[in-house]
Structure formats: C-alpha cells, structure tokens
Amino acid sequence: MSLELTEVVKSFKDDLVLDGVTLTVDKGQTLVLFGPSGAGKTVLLRLVAGVIEPDAGRILIDGKDMRGVEPEYRGVGMAFQNFALFPHMSAMENIASPLTARQLGASAIRSGVDALARLLKIDHVLTHYPRELSNGQKQRTALARALAGQPELLLLDDPLRNVDAKLRFEMRLELPRLLKSQNATVVYVTQDYKEAMALGDRIAVMNHQGIQQYGTPEDIYMRPAHSDIARLFGDPVINLLDVVPERSANDVMIRLSGQPLTIGEHYAHTVSMPCVLGVRPEAVQFADEGTPGSFPVKVEAETPLNEKTVTLMLTAGNREIMMSRPAGTPGPATGTAHITVDLHNAVLFDHGTGTLIESSNSKTGLHGEVA
C-alpha cells in the first residue's frame, strides 16, 4: 500500500503546523519522520489516519484520495503516544482485538498475541489491565495491537519512547525484521536519530511547518542539507569549523591551524567565500609529527564511551575539534598532539544561511586529499 502527500497544509487557529508538505512512501517502505517536538510529526500521522482533515492538499493511499474517508475505512494501523488502550480489556484482549474483529480462531489469535508479546517483552503482563501497566508496557501493548492486525499501512508515533535502553536497542534490531516480514508500508515518528538511522528506508527531517530534507539514512548523515541537520545526526556531534577557501597554485584549499588542506577544484566557486567545514569526529585521527597534512592540537579532555573514545582538542586558533576512535586505540589523553583530517566525506555549508554548498560535482563530498 503506497502513500502520497501533496502540498498538505494544516493549521490550528493561527498556528500553521504543516505548510505544503509533499512526500511519497512506496509500498513496503519504512519512512521515518524525524525532528524536534512541535515539528508537526504527530499531526502528519493523524492526517494520514483520518483523525483530522487537512486544510489544503491531498492525501492518497494506494492512489485513492482520502478526503472525507473515515479512519476505519482507510486500512491503516495506528499506535499513538497516548496509547488509546481499551481500559476494560486486558493487555491480551487489547492486542487481540484486531484479530478478533477478523473472526480468527482462538488458537490463531493466541499464537499471534503470544509471538508479539514475547518480541516486545510483555508476555508476563498479558492478563493485566491498562491501569496495572507501566507507561512502557502500555506503549508496547499499543504497538503489539497495531502490529497484530498486519495492516498494509502502519503509523507508529514514537512507539519506543518509554522503553528502557536495553529493550530499545533490541527493538532497533528486531522491529525492522518484523515490519519487512509483514511487507507493511510504515510511517514511523521518532526524536532519536539512532532509531531513525536503524529503522528508516527513507528519513524525512522535519522542522516547524515542513520537511527540511528527505533521503536515505546515508544521504542524511553524509550529505546533510543544513548545518542544523548535521548537528542532529551523530554522537559526538559533527565538527563545524569556519573556513574561507583559497586558490592555491594548483587547486582550491582551506586552512586548519595554518595547515593547507586541499578540497578540490570542484569547489572553485567557494574561493574567498565564508564557509563552515563539517567534519565528522570519526574522520579525525592522531598522527606523528611531520606526517603530511598533519597539524598540532592541544588535547583538552578524553572520555571513554564503552565502544569508543571521544577526545576534545583545541586547534592553534583555539577552536574546538572532537575525535572519535575505537576503544583501545592508542592516543594521548593530555598535552600536545598532531592530527590529520580525512576530507573525503567532509562537507561545506554557507556561513550565513547554514545550507549545504554543492560542489560542481554534486554527487561527491569534498573528496580532497590532505595537501
């Protein structure tokens, strides 16, 4: 079941929430809506579900215009943040309700409920009523109910928000497999960038009133359309350093701590233009003094984070730069050191607007070699 939104607008009194949103979700695809609270993610889901109607624009499900079509006739499964569980039913009865509506046999209903309950770690509370469940258990019960009906279009509003860290990690692995096995078309809301990267075939990054960027997880991470988006994806956060590209004898370069670094002729149009260089912390490495392209830094602090070590350093210009390297990789924890920066996947943003600056070869990043 495909989903298409065209120029969708929604306001509440004088508050414009969605301003001309257009996107397409192909059959069997998972689209993640990612953005801060208040960006309109839940409103968009409610529009698709038919709980509210758009002020303008069209919503098509499998090519059919949904204007005026009631929620129960849209073939949509939903799990929203407010749980919306039937208070007079146990967790098992809530999960089973879409299966009961299809008049399946008792054994089929029980096996379906048990499988989902085990996956979501709520099999021990199936006899409990909503008032007896924690918020995390309520959320997982609502998710199980939405999945049980195996709808062709599934709308999930931050379904792991109240789940503990261990289960959240497990569900990032298990949930995509389950969704793929059901061949469901999914629109999934989250404020967790790791969840967005793990679950989404496509990600729509939303801000207030609209979509800032739409693409694959790799697109969003490697080629963020704005420096604000770049900050949202990655831990530790991307390094953003003010630079002014220069013309060298043979190429175009930037300088970090006075060291010239080649960024490539395809950035000739940025010469003398104030820019912001975006470099992921994993692209920064310690190097021996004298290594071509290396430059000195002062190591300020080192933080071990289980699988990685994050190091905060200051350049010669007293600018902060962070490095992320695998745990156990040797490197100084204090004092003076030298580093190199791999610019192959670095990006340039306009200093004034924050928007991504495309190279003359827009399919690449800087692809510069260290000078």
Protein backbone atom coordinates (compact mmCIF):
# COMPACT_ATOMS: atom_id res chain seq x y z
CA MET A 1 0.00 0.00 0.00
CA SER A 2 1.56 3.29 -1.10
CA LEU A 3 1.13 6.71 0.50
CA GLU A 4 1.38 10.08 -1.19
CA LEU A 5 1.00 13.56 0.31
CA THR A 6 0.84 16.57 -2.00
CA GLU A 7 1.09 20.17 -0.71
CA VAL A 8 -0.61 19.29 2.57
CA VAL A 9 -1.38 22.27 4.82
CA LYS A 10 -2.70 22.17 8.38
CA SER A 11 -3.29 24.99 10.86
CA PHE A 12 -4.86 25.17 14.31
CA LYS A 13 -6.34 28.65 14.63
CA ASP A 14 -3.38 30.97 13.92
CA ASP A 15 -0.75 28.25 14.36
CA LEU A 16 0.49 26.97 10.97
CA VAL A 17 1.76 23.45 11.70
CA LEU A 18 2.31 22.00 8.22
CA ASP A 19 2.94 24.25 5.24
CA GLY A 20 2.79 22.45 1.90
CA VAL A 21 4.21 19.04 2.86
CA THR A 22 4.84 16.74 -0.10
CA LEU A 23 6.26 13.22 0.17
CA THR A 24 5.81 9.70 -1.18
CA VAL A 25 6.19 6.35 0.59
CA ASP A 26 6.38 3.31 -1.67
CA LYS A 27 4.71 0.02 -0.84
CA GLY A 28 6.71 -1.94 1.75
CA GLN A 29 8.92 1.04 2.59
CA THR A 30 9.55 2.47 6.06
CA LEU A 31 9.60 6.26 6.24
CA VAL A 32 10.87 7.81 9.46
CA LEU A 33 9.66 11.29 10.41
CA PHE A 34 12.45 12.78 12.49
CA GLY A 35 12.54 16.16 14.17
CA PRO A 36 12.06 18.11 17.39
CA SER A 37 8.90 18.23 19.45
CA GLY A 38 6.36 20.54 17.82
CA ALA A 39 7.61 19.97 14.28
CA GLY A 40 4.26 18.50 13.20
CA LYS A 41 5.20 14.82 13.05
CA THR A 42 2.21 13.56 15.03
CA VAL A 43 -0.14 15.94 13.21
CA LEU A 44 1.02 14.44 9.91
CA LEU A 45 0.27 10.93 11.20
CA ARG A 46 -3.18 11.97 12.38
CA LEU A 47 -3.91 13.45 8.95
CA VAL A 48 -2.96 10.19 7.25
CA ALA A 49 -5.05 8.22 9.75
CA GLY A 50 -8.07 10.45 9.09
CA VAL A 51 -8.39 11.62 12.68
CA ILE A 52 -8.15 15.18 11.38
CA GLU A 53 -8.52 16.60 7.86
CA PRO A 54 -6.02 18.83 6.01
CA ASP A 55 -6.85 22.45 5.27
CA ALA A 56 -5.41 22.03 1.78
CA GLY A 57 -3.58 19.44 -0.28
CA ARG A 58 -4.23 15.79 -0.98
CA ILE A 59 -3.55 12.51 0.82
CA LEU A 60 -3.63 9.42 -1.37
CA ILE A 61 -3.48 5.85 -0.11
CA ASP A 62 -2.91 3.37 -2.92
CA GLY A 63 -3.75 6.15 -5.34
CA LYS A 64 -7.14 6.89 -3.74
CA ASP A 65 -7.91 10.35 -2.40
CA MET A 66 -8.70 10.09 1.32
CA ARG A 67 -10.60 13.35 1.72
CA GLY A 68 -13.79 12.55 3.61
CA VAL A 69 -12.86 8.86 4.13
CA GLU A 70 -13.36 7.83 7.76
CA PRO A 71 -10.41 6.28 9.66
CA GLU A 72 -11.96 2.80 9.84
CA TYR A 73 -12.15 2.63 6.04
CA ARG A 74 -8.53 3.59 5.34
CA GLY A 75 -6.96 0.22 6.12
CA VAL A 76 -4.49 1.86 8.49
CA GLY A 77 -3.00 0.52 11.73
CA MET A 78 -2.04 3.06 14.39
CA ALA A 79 -0.06 3.26 17.62
CA PHE A 80 -0.03 6.75 19.08
CA GLN A 81 1.74 8.22 22.10
CA ASN A 82 -1.41 8.41 24.19
CA PHE A 83 -1.73 4.58 23.97
CA ALA A 84 -5.55 4.62 23.47
CA LEU A 85 -5.93 1.18 25.05
CA PHE A 86 -9.38 -0.16 25.93
CA PRO A 87 -9.45 0.21 29.74
CA HIS A 88 -11.92 -2.64 30.27
CA MET A 89 -9.75 -5.14 28.37
CA SER A 90 -6.61 -6.95 29.49
CA ALA A 91 -3.36 -6.46 27.59
CA MET A 92 -4.03 -9.73 25.76
CA GLU A 93 -7.55 -8.68 24.78
CA ASN A 94 -6.28 -5.29 23.58
CA ILE A 95 -3.63 -6.92 21.39
CA ALA A 96 -6.08 -9.50 20.13
CA SER A 97 -8.83 -7.00 19.23
CA PRO A 98 -7.90 -6.62 15.52
CA LEU A 99 -7.62 -10.42 15.22
CA THR A 100 -10.96 -10.90 16.95
CA ALA A 101 -12.54 -8.40 14.55
CA ARG A 102 -11.35 -10.59 11.68
CA GLN A 103 -13.06 -13.57 13.38
CA LEU A 104 -9.94 -15.71 13.55
CA GLY A 105 -9.96 -18.90 15.58
CA ALA A 106 -8.94 -18.89 19.25
CA SER A 107 -5.68 -20.77 18.62
CA ALA A 108 -4.63 -18.41 15.80
CA ILE A 109 -5.43 -15.40 17.97
CA ARG A 110 -3.48 -16.81 20.92
CA SER A 111 -0.41 -17.71 18.87
CA GLY A 112 -0.40 -14.29 17.19
CA VAL A 113 -0.66 -12.46 20.50
CA ASP A 114 1.98 -14.65 22.18
CA ALA A 115 4.51 -14.12 19.39
CA LEU A 116 4.22 -10.33 19.56
CA ALA A 117 4.17 -10.29 23.35
CA ARG A 118 7.41 -12.27 23.50
CA LEU A 119 9.06 -9.99 20.96
CA LEU A 120 8.05 -6.88 22.90
CA LYS A 121 8.79 -8.41 26.32
CA ILE A 122 5.25 -8.06 27.66
CA ASP A 123 4.26 -11.75 27.76
CA HIS A 124 4.33 -11.62 31.59
CA VAL A 125 1.65 -8.88 31.78
CA LEU A 126 -0.90 -10.19 29.27
CA THR A 127 -3.52 -10.69 32.00
CA HIS A 128 -3.05 -7.14 33.35
CA TYR A 129 -5.40 -4.26 32.61
CA PRO A 130 -4.07 -0.89 31.34
CA ARG A 131 -4.31 0.68 34.81
CA GLU A 132 -1.89 -2.00 36.06
CA LEU A 133 0.71 -1.39 33.33
CA SER A 134 3.65 0.99 33.34
CA ASN A 135 3.82 3.58 30.57
CA GLY A 136 6.44 1.49 28.79
CA GLN A 137 4.21 -1.60 28.97
CA LYS A 138 1.22 0.40 27.74
CA GLN A 139 3.26 1.67 24.82
CA ARG A 140 4.41 -1.82 23.87
CA THR A 141 0.85 -3.15 24.21
CA ALA A 142 -0.39 -0.46 21.83
CA LEU A 143 2.43 -1.30 19.42
CA ALA A 144 1.60 -5.01 19.60
CA ARG A 145 -2.07 -4.27 18.89
CA ALA A 146 -1.14 -2.20 15.84
CA LEU A 147 1.16 -4.97 14.55
CA ALA A 148 -1.30 -7.78 15.27
CA GLY A 149 -3.74 -6.65 12.61
CA GLN A 150 -0.95 -6.77 9.99
CA PRO A 151 -2.24 -3.62 8.29
CA GLU A 152 -0.83 -2.69 4.91
CA LEU A 153 -0.17 0.84 6.16
CA LEU A 154 1.15 1.23 9.70
CA LEU A 155 1.50 4.55 11.56
CA LEU A 156 3.76 4.45 14.63
CA ASP A 157 4.15 7.52 16.83
CA ASP A 158 7.41 7.16 18.78
CA PRO A 159 6.43 3.65 19.95
CA LEU A 160 9.68 3.02 21.87
CA ARG A 161 9.73 6.36 23.68
CA ASN A 162 9.03 4.94 27.15
CA VAL A 163 11.05 1.76 26.68
CA ASP A 164 14.24 1.17 28.65
CA ALA A 165 17.59 1.46 26.86
CA LYS A 166 18.29 -2.28 26.60
CA LEU A 167 14.92 -3.14 25.06
CA ARG A 168 15.10 -0.07 22.82
CA PHE A 169 18.40 -1.35 21.41
CA GLU A 170 16.95 -4.84 20.88
CA MET A 171 13.87 -3.44 19.16
CA ARG A 172 16.00 -1.43 16.74
CA LEU A 173 17.25 -4.81 15.52
CA GLU A 174 14.02 -6.82 15.71
CA LEU A 175 11.36 -4.32 14.61
CA PRO A 176 12.72 -3.79 11.06
CA ARG A 177 12.71 -7.56 10.50
CA LEU A 178 9.13 -7.84 11.72
CA LEU A 179 7.95 -4.94 9.57
CA LYS A 180 9.68 -6.36 6.49
CA SER A 181 8.15 -9.79 7.14
CA GLN A 182 4.69 -8.18 7.15
CA ASN A 183 5.52 -6.20 3.98
CA ALA A 184 3.90 -3.22 5.63
CA THR A 185 4.26 0.36 4.48
CA VAL A 186 5.30 2.23 7.62
CA VAL A 187 5.43 5.85 8.73
CA TYR A 188 7.42 5.96 11.96
CA VAL A 189 7.90 9.00 14.19
CA THR A 190 10.94 9.40 16.45
CA GLN A 191 13.18 12.04 18.02
CA ASP A 192 16.05 9.53 18.32
CA TYR A 193 18.49 9.81 15.42
CA LYS A 194 19.87 6.30 16.02
CA GLU A 195 16.37 4.90 15.76
CA ALA A 196 15.79 6.88 12.58
CA MET A 197 19.01 5.57 11.04
CA ALA A 198 18.29 1.97 12.08
CA LEU A 199 14.65 1.76 11.00
CA GLY A 200 14.21 4.06 8.03
CA ASP A 201 14.50 3.18 4.35
CA ARG A 202 13.96 6.93 3.98
CA ILE A 203 14.08 9.73 6.54
CA ALA A 204 12.13 12.98 6.38
CA VAL A 205 13.79 15.54 8.65
CA MET A 206 11.09 17.93 9.82
CA ASN A 207 11.27 21.35 11.37
CA HIS A 208 8.42 23.70 12.15
CA GLN A 209 5.95 23.71 9.23
CA GLY A 210 7.71 21.37 6.85
CA ILE A 211 10.37 18.95 5.66
CA GLN A 212 13.98 20.16 5.58
CA GLN A 213 15.46 17.08 3.93
CA TYR A 214 14.20 13.78 2.55
CA GLY A 215 16.54 10.92 1.72
CA THR A 216 18.19 7.67 2.75
CA PRO A 217 19.88 7.44 6.16
CA GLU A 218 23.23 7.61 4.37
CA ASP A 219 22.13 10.76 2.49
CA ILE A 220 21.08 12.47 5.69
CA TYR A 221 24.26 11.55 7.57
CA MET A 222 26.83 12.12 4.82
CA ARG A 223 25.18 14.99 2.92
CA PRO A 224 23.03 16.95 5.41
CA ALA A 225 21.16 19.74 3.66
CA HIS A 226 21.80 22.18 6.52
CA SER A 227 24.27 22.53 9.37
CA ASP A 228 21.35 22.21 11.82
CA ILE A 229 20.58 18.76 10.39
CA ALA A 230 24.26 17.83 10.57
CA ARG A 231 24.21 18.57 14.32
CA LEU A 232 21.20 16.31 14.89
CA PHE A 233 22.81 13.17 13.46
CA GLY A 234 25.87 11.79 15.19
CA ASP A 235 27.30 11.31 18.66
CA PRO A 236 29.62 13.04 19.28
CA VAL A 237 28.27 15.92 17.24
CA ILE A 238 29.87 16.93 13.92
CA ASN A 239 32.78 19.39 13.97
CA LEU A 240 31.79 22.71 12.38
CA LEU A 241 34.76 24.97 11.67
CA ASP A 242 34.76 28.39 10.00
CA VAL A 243 36.93 28.40 6.86
CA VAL A 244 37.50 30.55 3.79
CA PRO A 245 38.53 28.53 0.74
CA GLU A 246 41.58 29.87 -1.10
CA ARG A 247 43.09 29.40 -4.51
CA SER A 248 46.47 27.65 -4.35
CA ALA A 249 48.89 27.26 -7.25
CA ASN A 250 47.20 24.10 -8.47
CA ASP A 251 43.94 23.67 -6.58
CA VAL A 252 41.46 25.00 -4.01
CA MET A 253 42.30 24.67 -0.34
CA ILE A 254 41.29 25.57 3.19
CA ARG A 255 43.47 26.04 6.27
CA LEU A 256 43.21 24.40 9.69
CA SER A 257 45.76 25.58 12.26
CA GLY A 258 47.56 27.17 9.35
CA GLN A 259 47.90 23.85 7.54
CA PRO A 260 46.68 23.93 3.91
CA LEU A 261 44.27 21.13 3.06
CA THR A 262 43.11 20.55 -0.49
CA ILE A 263 39.35 20.43 -1.05
CA GLY A 264 39.30 20.14 -4.84
CA GLU A 265 38.77 22.19 -7.96
CA HIS A 266 35.05 21.41 -7.89
CA TYR A 267 34.83 23.94 -5.01
CA ALA A 268 36.36 26.76 -7.05
CA HIS A 269 33.10 28.71 -6.74
CA THR A 270 33.62 28.99 -2.96
CA VAL A 271 37.00 30.78 -3.13
CA SER A 272 37.03 33.79 -0.74
CA MET A 273 33.53 32.85 0.46
CA PRO A 274 32.98 32.47 4.25
CA CYS A 275 32.04 28.81 4.78
CA VAL A 276 31.65 26.27 7.54
CA LEU A 277 33.52 22.98 7.20
CA GLY A 278 31.65 19.94 8.53
CA VAL A 279 33.88 17.05 9.60
CA ARG A 280 32.63 14.00 11.46
CA PRO A 281 34.68 13.15 14.60
CA GLU A 282 35.49 9.71 13.19
CA ALA A 283 37.32 11.40 10.28
CA VAL A 284 39.89 12.90 12.71
CA GLN A 285 42.95 10.81 13.61
CA PHE A 286 46.12 11.16 15.64
CA ALA A 287 49.29 11.29 13.55
CA ASP A 288 53.03 11.51 14.06
CA GLU A 289 54.58 14.95 13.87
CA GLY A 290 55.75 15.53 10.33
CA THR A 291 53.03 13.40 8.73
CA PRO A 292 51.95 15.15 5.50
CA GLY A 293 48.93 17.34 6.21
CA SER A 294 49.15 16.96 9.99
CA PHE A 295 48.81 19.92 12.32
CA PRO A 296 49.25 20.49 16.06
CA VAL A 297 46.44 20.49 18.62
CA LYS A 298 46.16 20.67 22.39
CA VAL A 299 44.34 17.72 23.93
CA GLU A 300 41.85 19.09 26.47
CA ALA A 301 39.93 16.01 27.61
CA GLU A 302 39.36 12.35 26.82
CA THR A 303 36.12 10.47 27.53
CA PRO A 304 35.85 6.67 27.21
CA LEU A 305 32.36 5.68 26.00
CA ASN A 306 32.43 1.87 26.01
CA GLU A 307 32.95 1.06 22.32
CA LYS A 308 34.67 4.37 21.50
CA THR A 309 36.84 7.08 22.98
CA VAL A 310 35.99 10.74 22.40
CA THR A 311 38.77 13.32 22.57
CA LEU A 312 38.25 17.09 22.77
CA MET A 313 41.10 19.18 21.34
CA LEU A 314 41.91 22.82 20.56
CA THR A 315 43.47 23.92 17.30
CA ALA A 316 46.17 26.60 17.03
CA GLY A 317 43.34 29.10 16.53
CA ASN A 318 41.77 27.93 19.82
CA ARG A 319 38.85 26.24 18.02
CA GLU A 320 37.37 23.05 19.43
CA ILE A 321 37.60 19.86 17.39
CA MET A 322 36.47 16.41 18.50
CA MET A 323 37.77 13.00 17.55
CA SER A 324 36.02 9.64 17.92
CA ARG A 325 38.09 6.47 17.70
CA PRO A 326 37.50 2.80 18.61
CA ALA A 327 38.06 1.97 22.28
CA GLY A 328 41.56 0.75 22.91
CA THR A 329 43.09 2.71 20.06
CA PRO A 330 46.25 4.39 21.41
CA GLY A 331 46.44 8.15 21.66
CA PRO A 332 47.47 10.89 24.08
CA ALA A 333 44.97 11.89 26.78
CA THR A 334 46.60 15.27 27.51
CA GLY A 335 49.17 17.65 26.15
CA THR A 336 50.20 18.50 22.61
CA ALA A 337 49.48 16.13 19.74
CA HIS A 338 49.23 16.13 15.97
CA ILE A 339 46.18 15.11 13.95
CA THR A 340 45.10 14.64 10.35
CA VAL A 341 41.61 15.21 8.97
CA ASP A 342 40.18 13.00 6.23
CA LEU A 343 38.19 15.33 3.99
CA HIS A 344 36.73 12.68 1.68
CA ASN A 345 33.31 12.82 3.34
CA ALA A 346 33.53 16.35 4.75
CA VAL A 347 31.00 18.97 3.60
CA LEU A 348 30.83 22.74 3.26
CA PHE A 349 27.95 24.91 4.48
CA ASP A 350 27.22 28.53 3.71
CA HIS A 351 28.39 30.57 6.70
CA GLY A 352 25.38 32.89 6.57
CA THR A 353 22.48 30.54 5.83
CA GLY A 354 23.81 27.17 7.02
CA THR A 355 22.71 25.47 3.80
CA LEU A 356 24.85 22.80 2.16
CA ILE A 357 27.12 24.10 -0.59
CA GLU A 358 27.04 21.74 -3.53
CA SER A 359 30.25 21.07 -5.39
CA SER A 360 30.36 21.31 -9.18
CA ASN A 361 30.21 17.52 -8.93
CA SER A 362 27.16 17.34 -6.65
CA LYS A 363 27.46 13.57 -6.16
CA THR A 364 30.60 13.97 -4.07
CA GLY A 365 31.67 15.48 -0.80
CA LEU A 366 34.92 17.42 -0.66
CA HIS A 367 36.92 14.42 -1.85
CA GLY A 368 40.05 16.38 -1.09
CA GLU A 369 43.39 14.84 -0.31
CA VAL A 370 45.45 16.26 2.51
CA ALA A 371 47.95 18.67 0.98
